[in-house]
Amino acid sequence: MAINMNEFAQQIYAILQQTPYGRVVTYGDIAKLAGYPGYARHVGKVLASLPSETQLPWYRVINSQGKISLTAGDAERQKNALTMEGIHFEENRVINFRQLRWII
């Protein structure tokens, strides 16, 4: 399926905006909710292109194993933002991932 990246990005932003405080969502969950199951990597590309001053809660998106996929400073920023929302980690994995995962 060929996708229109602009429409796809708008869908991703809309779903991301709805992700509740103190919850996490996976790249695959967002792709599925947007109507593009199997496009998790594309979700990552869209999020990577967000401007640094975005108000969207990009940091609530983690991988399907309950871990942060980003590296170095970006991973630390994400972990700090999630910790501020009461989400805690053990060995870089979200504690209680199944309970904190937002699924509609």
C-alpha atoms as a PDB file:
ATOM      1  CA  MET A   1       0.000   0.000   0.000  1.00  0.00           C
ATOM      2  CA  ALA A   2       1.419   3.359  -1.024  1.00  0.00           C
ATOM      3  CA  ILE A   3       0.813   5.997   1.570  1.00  0.00           C
ATOM      4  CA  ASN A   4       0.494   9.734   1.415  1.00  0.00           C
ATOM      5  CA  MET A   5       3.072  10.782   4.006  1.00  0.00           C
ATOM      6  CA  ASN A   6       1.348  14.102   4.711  1.00  0.00           C
ATOM      7  CA  GLU A   7      -1.987  12.417   5.496  1.00  0.00           C
ATOM      8  CA  PHE A   8      -0.170   9.700   7.425  1.00  0.00           C
ATOM      9  CA  ALA A   9       1.687  12.281   9.528  1.00  0.00           C
ATOM     10  CA  GLN A  10      -1.552  14.134  10.308  1.00  0.00           C
ATOM     11  CA  GLN A  11      -3.116  10.876  11.526  1.00  0.00           C
ATOM     12  CA  ILE A  12      -0.079  10.165  13.695  1.00  0.00           C
ATOM     13  CA  TYR A  13      -0.205  13.651  15.236  1.00  0.00           C
ATOM     14  CA  ALA A  14      -3.924  13.305  15.998  1.00  0.00           C
ATOM     15  CA  ILE A  15      -3.444   9.977  17.777  1.00  0.00           C
ATOM     16  CA  LEU A  16      -0.359  11.167  19.607  1.00  0.00           C
ATOM     17  CA  GLN A  17      -2.282  14.186  20.906  1.00  0.00           C
ATOM     18  CA  GLN A  18      -4.850  11.822  22.457  1.00  0.00           C
ATOM     19  CA  THR A  19      -2.308   9.692  24.321  1.00  0.00           C
ATOM     20  CA  PRO A  20      -3.149  10.169  28.008  1.00  0.00           C
ATOM     21  CA  TYR A  21      -0.808  11.640  30.591  1.00  0.00           C
ATOM     22  CA  GLY A  22       1.041   8.913  32.479  1.00  0.00           C
ATOM     23  CA  ARG A  23       0.519   6.305  29.764  1.00  0.00           C
ATOM     24  CA  VAL A  24       2.693   4.976  26.938  1.00  0.00           C
ATOM     25  CA  VAL A  25       1.877   3.770  23.440  1.00  0.00           C
ATOM     26  CA  THR A  26       3.957   1.789  20.974  1.00  0.00           C
ATOM     27  CA  TYR A  27       4.939   2.787  17.460  1.00  0.00           C
ATOM     28  CA  GLY A  28       2.907  -0.172  16.194  1.00  0.00           C
ATOM     29  CA  ASP A  29      -0.147   0.806  18.242  1.00  0.00           C
ATOM     30  CA  ILE A  30      -0.108   4.267  16.708  1.00  0.00           C
ATOM     31  CA  ALA A  31       0.281   2.859  13.196  1.00  0.00           C
ATOM     32  CA  LYS A  32      -2.635   0.495  13.764  1.00  0.00           C
ATOM     33  CA  LEU A  33      -4.851   3.216  15.249  1.00  0.00           C
ATOM     34  CA  ALA A  34      -4.054   5.430  12.243  1.00  0.00           C
ATOM     35  CA  GLY A  35      -5.238   2.672   9.918  1.00  0.00           C
ATOM     36  CA  TYR A  36      -1.756   1.624   8.823  1.00  0.00           C
ATOM     37  CA  PRO A  37      -0.983  -1.654  10.615  1.00  0.00           C
ATOM     38  CA  GLY A  38       2.609  -2.713  10.025  1.00  0.00           C
ATOM     39  CA  TYR A  39       3.877   0.841   9.544  1.00  0.00           C
ATOM     40  CA  ALA A  40       5.556   1.254  12.933  1.00  0.00           C
ATOM     41  CA  ARG A  41       8.865   2.325  11.375  1.00  0.00           C
ATOM     42  CA  HIS A  42       7.078   5.042   9.443  1.00  0.00           C
ATOM     43  CA  VAL A  43       5.667   6.329  12.721  1.00  0.00           C
ATOM     44  CA  GLY A  44       9.226   6.591  14.013  1.00  0.00           C
ATOM     45  CA  LYS A  45      10.251   8.568  10.942  1.00  0.00           C
ATOM     46  CA  VAL A  46       7.352  10.989  11.405  1.00  0.00           C
ATOM     47  CA  LEU A  47       8.217  11.494  15.071  1.00  0.00           C
ATOM     48  CA  ALA A  48      11.899  11.988  14.255  1.00  0.00           C
ATOM     49  CA  SER A  49      10.953  14.908  12.025  1.00  0.00           C
ATOM     50  CA  LEU A  50       9.025  16.777  14.737  1.00  0.00           C
ATOM     51  CA  PRO A  51      10.457  20.183  15.598  1.00  0.00           C
ATOM     52  CA  SER A  52      12.203  20.344  18.975  1.00  0.00           C
ATOM     53  CA  GLU A  53       9.631  22.853  20.296  1.00  0.00           C
ATOM     54  CA  THR A  54       6.630  20.602  19.538  1.00  0.00           C
ATOM     55  CA  GLN A  55       3.896  20.381  22.140  1.00  0.00           C
ATOM     56  CA  LEU A  56       2.983  16.849  21.059  1.00  0.00           C
ATOM     57  CA  PRO A  57       3.805  14.194  23.682  1.00  0.00           C
ATOM     58  CA  TRP A  58       6.282  12.329  21.441  1.00  0.00           C
ATOM     59  CA  TYR A  59       8.038  10.960  24.504  1.00  0.00           C
ATOM     60  CA  ARG A  60       5.067   8.699  25.334  1.00  0.00           C
ATOM     61  CA  VAL A  61       5.903   6.497  22.331  1.00  0.00           C
ATOM     62  CA  ILE A  62       8.074   3.478  23.091  1.00  0.00           C
ATOM     63  CA  ASN A  63       8.796   0.194  21.359  1.00  0.00           C
ATOM     64  CA  SER A  64       6.740  -2.990  21.664  1.00  0.00           C
ATOM     65  CA  GLN A  65       9.100  -4.377  24.318  1.00  0.00           C
ATOM     66  CA  GLY A  66       8.349  -1.460  26.623  1.00  0.00           C
ATOM     67  CA  LYS A  67      11.706   0.192  26.001  1.00  0.00           C
ATOM     68  CA  ILE A  68      12.912   3.528  24.690  1.00  0.00           C
ATOM     69  CA  SER A  69      14.264   3.173  21.156  1.00  0.00           C
ATOM     70  CA  LEU A  70      16.107   6.483  21.063  1.00  0.00           C
ATOM     71  CA  THR A  71      19.781   6.781  21.923  1.00  0.00           C
ATOM     72  CA  ALA A  72      22.031   9.006  24.008  1.00  0.00           C
ATOM     73  CA  GLY A  73      20.678  12.447  24.891  1.00  0.00           C
ATOM     74  CA  ASP A  74      17.330  11.918  23.175  1.00  0.00           C
ATOM     75  CA  ALA A  75      16.732   8.735  25.167  1.00  0.00           C
ATOM     76  CA  GLU A  76      17.583  10.555  28.375  1.00  0.00           C
ATOM     77  CA  ARG A  77      15.157  13.404  27.540  1.00  0.00           C
ATOM     78  CA  GLN A  78      12.427  10.862  26.852  1.00  0.00           C
ATOM     79  CA  LYS A  79      13.098   8.927  30.039  1.00  0.00           C
ATOM     80  CA  ASN A  80      13.092  12.143  32.096  1.00  0.00           C
ATOM     81  CA  ALA A  81       9.793  13.284  30.564  1.00  0.00           C
ATOM     82  CA  LEU A  82       8.165   9.924  31.279  1.00  0.00           C
ATOM     83  CA  THR A  83       9.527   9.866  34.820  1.00  0.00           C
ATOM     84  CA  MET A  84       7.951  13.303  35.377  1.00  0.00           C
ATOM     85  CA  GLU A  85       4.613  11.685  34.472  1.00  0.00           C
ATOM     86  CA  GLY A  86       5.133   8.933  37.060  1.00  0.00           C
ATOM     87  CA  ILE A  87       6.411   6.257  34.703  1.00  0.00           C
ATOM     88  CA  HIS A  88       9.351   4.352  36.117  1.00  0.00           C
ATOM     89  CA  PHE A  89      11.982   2.144  34.545  1.00  0.00           C
ATOM     90  CA  GLU A  90      13.972  -0.924  35.429  1.00  0.00           C
ATOM     91  CA  GLU A  91      16.926  -1.663  33.141  1.00  0.00           C
ATOM     92  CA  ASN A  92      15.522   0.722  30.504  1.00  0.00           C
ATOM     93  CA  ARG A  93      12.148  -1.037  30.412  1.00  0.00           C
ATOM     94  CA  VAL A  94       8.926   0.565  31.616  1.00  0.00           C
ATOM     95  CA  ILE A  95       7.818  -1.007  34.881  1.00  0.00           C
ATOM     96  CA  ASN A  96       4.204  -2.211  34.559  1.00  0.00           C
ATOM     97  CA  PHE A  97       4.316  -1.777  30.772  1.00  0.00           C
ATOM     98  CA  ARG A  98       1.151  -3.821  30.244  1.00  0.00           C
ATOM     99  CA  GLN A  99      -0.820  -1.693  32.709  1.00  0.00           C
ATOM    100  CA  LEU A 100       0.557   1.628  31.425  1.00  0.00           C
ATOM    101  CA  ARG A 101       0.166   0.824  27.729  1.00  0.00           C
ATOM    102  CA  TRP A 102      -2.602   2.878  26.179  1.00  0.00           C
ATOM    103  CA  ILE A 103      -4.741   0.785  23.890  1.00  0.00           C
ATOM    104  CA  ILE A 104      -8.099   1.940  22.602  1.00  0.00           C
END
